Amino acid sequence: MFLVTGATGHVGSEVVRHLRRLDVPVRAFSRKGLPRTDGALPVPGDLNDPASVASALDGVRGIFLLPGYQRLPETLARCADAGVERVVLLSSSSVPGGERSNAVTRYMLESEEAVEASGLPWTFIRPCAFAANALQWKDQLAAGDVIRAPFAHVRQATLDPYDIGAVAALALTSPGHEGKAYALSGPESLLPEERVEILGDVLGRKLTFVGQPDDEARAEMSAQMPAAYVEAFFRFYVDGTLDESNVLPTVEQLTGRPPRTFRTWATEHAAAFA
């Protein structure tokens, strides 16, 4: 039995998908615990509540864990008490060499440190930016054919969450991944304008990309997230403290196939933009 937290999110849903393909039993942990059609057992719960997680641990061999939640050391102690044998933690590409003063990097680092301190066998997955971040453009596409987005000059080897799920399922179900931190990327380094062009081609629309000035982007982001996180992203992508442009071999080395392209992700998720 495997427990997947955040099982309805971009990454958690893909972890469930790959585990079910391996025909192993899965508990899909999410806030609502809605019914599923993939054979996974839905479990409602809150990652900020260790007792909530503990109630789903009976017979669980491995857990896929999201970072940044409250009382994580207590949750991990509950996992150890329940006999969980391994933890696969979703972390971030910002951790290696990252600055603890950066709010995003800090909660990732603290999550990794809590897992290491738990004494449980662990694997850290450190992906770069998700291809699924393009879903942020849905409302703009509903209104027209112009997409305004920040950090126009920043190249990213964006990663399909499908590949994160594949690596996580492998780390949960096979030996040899304990104590490893896997840096993951997609197969191509693209500017936002290039991703917009690919998405338009997939959707059969002539899309126009407009890079937002930094002050406009900061104001828009400040309406959506805490100021510390806005500052973190500006430090990553304006000050240049994070480089996610490098194409890494890890996905292919682990899974035996290349990571999926942004075009593949866009094609599979085209209906979400309708």
Foldseek 3Di string as FASTA:
>chain_A
DEEEEPCVDQQNVLLVVQLVVVVDAYEYEEQVQDDDDSRHRGQHADPLDLVSLLVVQAPHQEYEDEWDHHPLLSNLLSNVVNNHAEYEYEAALCQVVHDCLQPRNVRRVVRVVSNVVSPHFYEYEHEYAALVVCLVCLVVLVVHQEDEDELQVAKALHARSNLVSNLVNCPRPDDDRTPYYHYAGAAAIDGPQVLSCLLCVLLVHDHHYDYDDPVVNLVVVVVPDPNSNSVNVCCCRVVPSHHRRDHDCRSCVRVVDHGDHSSVVSNVCVVSND
